[in-house]
């Protein structure tokens, strides 16, 4: 796992329990999973807009915001990033089309 992402995951875990008046993570966590998920959606939309605008610096910033909020959501649902990375490792070398077809249940 990236040292940066590992550090961020640890920081988020610590700040979830902080005073909401001094921690954005604690404040957002206190609003519940629905609000956190909404923020992930907003950041995803902003990332898409930045990608389409062609502004590289804006895309980098919005992608960072998206990753941050995704990690907050994962923490709220008690899903460690290592579990997500393990799923990506499991999918490595598998065609995206084949992987998606394997998920279909008929």
Protein backbone atom coordinates (compact mmCIF):
# COMPACT_ATOMS: atom_id res chain seq x y z
CA UNK A 1 0.00 0.00 0.00
CA UNK A 2 1.23 3.49 -0.73
CA UNK A 3 2.82 5.10 2.33
CA UNK A 4 0.78 8.21 1.58
CA UNK A 5 -2.51 6.32 1.55
CA UNK A 6 -1.55 4.30 4.63
CA UNK A 7 -0.72 7.50 6.53
CA UNK A 8 -3.94 9.13 5.36
CA UNK A 9 -5.98 6.11 6.43
CA UNK A 10 -4.36 6.25 9.90
CA UNK A 11 -4.95 10.00 10.16
CA UNK A 12 -8.61 9.58 9.23
CA UNK A 13 -9.00 6.79 11.81
CA UNK A 14 -7.57 9.05 14.52
CA UNK A 15 -9.57 12.10 13.51
CA UNK A 16 -12.89 10.26 13.40
CA UNK A 17 -12.79 10.34 17.20
CA UNK A 18 -11.67 13.98 17.45
CA UNK A 19 -13.73 17.00 18.43
CA UNK A 20 -16.04 17.83 15.50
CA UNK A 21 -15.48 21.53 16.13
CA UNK A 22 -11.80 21.10 15.26
CA UNK A 23 -11.82 18.17 12.81
CA UNK A 24 -13.51 18.04 9.42
CA UNK A 25 -13.29 14.23 9.46
CA UNK A 26 -15.03 14.05 12.85
CA UNK A 27 -17.68 16.54 11.75
CA UNK A 28 -18.38 14.66 8.52
CA UNK A 29 -18.37 11.31 10.32
CA UNK A 30 -20.89 12.66 12.78
CA UNK A 31 -23.29 13.38 9.94
CA UNK A 32 -23.41 9.70 9.01
CA UNK A 33 -22.68 7.44 6.10
CA UNK A 34 -25.31 9.07 3.88
CA UNK A 35 -23.63 12.46 4.06
CA UNK A 36 -20.17 10.93 3.57
CA UNK A 37 -21.43 9.03 0.51
CA UNK A 38 -22.96 12.25 -0.81
CA UNK A 39 -19.55 13.95 -0.48
CA UNK A 40 -17.91 11.09 -2.40
CA UNK A 41 -20.47 11.60 -5.16
CA UNK A 42 -19.87 15.36 -5.23
CA UNK A 43 -16.11 14.86 -5.39
CA UNK A 44 -16.50 12.26 -8.16
CA UNK A 45 -18.56 14.74 -10.16
CA UNK A 46 -16.00 17.49 -9.60
CA UNK A 47 -13.25 15.09 -10.71
CA UNK A 48 -15.13 14.34 -13.91
CA UNK A 49 -15.66 18.03 -14.61
CA UNK A 50 -11.97 18.73 -14.01
CA UNK A 51 -11.00 15.88 -16.34
CA UNK A 52 -13.23 17.25 -19.07
CA UNK A 53 -12.00 20.82 -18.62
CA UNK A 54 -8.46 19.81 -19.46
CA UNK A 55 -7.00 21.58 -16.40
CA UNK A 56 -4.39 19.16 -15.07
CA UNK A 57 -3.84 20.91 -11.72
CA UNK A 58 -7.58 21.01 -11.05
CA UNK A 59 -7.89 17.32 -11.92
CA UNK A 60 -5.06 16.44 -9.53
CA UNK A 61 -6.70 18.42 -6.73
CA UNK A 62 -10.15 16.96 -7.31
CA UNK A 63 -8.76 13.41 -7.57
CA UNK A 64 -7.03 13.94 -4.20
CA UNK A 65 -10.33 15.17 -2.72
CA UNK A 66 -12.10 12.10 -4.13
CA UNK A 67 -9.55 9.68 -2.68
CA UNK A 68 -9.71 11.43 0.69
CA UNK A 69 -13.50 11.27 0.89
CA UNK A 70 -13.51 7.66 -0.32
CA UNK A 71 -11.15 6.77 2.54
CA UNK A 72 -13.47 8.54 4.99
CA UNK A 73 -16.38 6.48 3.62
CA UNK A 74 -14.42 3.24 3.88
CA UNK A 75 -13.49 4.09 7.48
CA UNK A 76 -17.13 4.81 8.32
CA UNK A 77 -18.08 1.39 6.98
CA UNK A 78 -15.09 -0.25 8.71
CA UNK A 79 -13.60 -1.42 5.43
CA UNK A 80 -9.80 -1.20 5.50
CA UNK A 81 -8.09 0.07 2.38
CA UNK A 82 -6.02 -3.13 2.40
CA UNK A 83 -9.21 -5.07 1.68
CA UNK A 84 -9.94 -2.90 -1.36
CA UNK A 85 -6.35 -3.24 -2.55
CA UNK A 86 -6.57 -7.02 -2.13
CA UNK A 87 -9.64 -7.02 -4.36
CA UNK A 88 -7.71 -5.04 -6.98
CA UNK A 89 -4.84 -7.54 -6.68
CA UNK A 90 -7.34 -10.38 -7.16
CA UNK A 91 -8.57 -8.76 -10.36
CA UNK A 92 -5.10 -8.14 -11.77
CA UNK A 93 -4.63 -9.84 -15.10
CA UNK A 94 -8.36 -10.44 -15.52
CA UNK A 95 -10.08 -8.73 -18.42
CA UNK A 96 -12.50 -6.07 -17.22
CA UNK A 97 -15.13 -7.54 -19.50
CA UNK A 98 -14.60 -11.04 -18.09
CA UNK A 99 -14.57 -9.75 -14.51
CA UNK A 100 -17.83 -7.88 -14.99
CA UNK A 101 -19.45 -10.90 -16.66
CA UNK A 102 -18.45 -13.10 -13.71
CA UNK A 103 -20.34 -10.77 -11.33
CA UNK A 104 -23.64 -11.18 -13.23
CA UNK A 105 -26.13 -13.47 -11.57
CA UNK A 106 -28.91 -14.74 -13.74
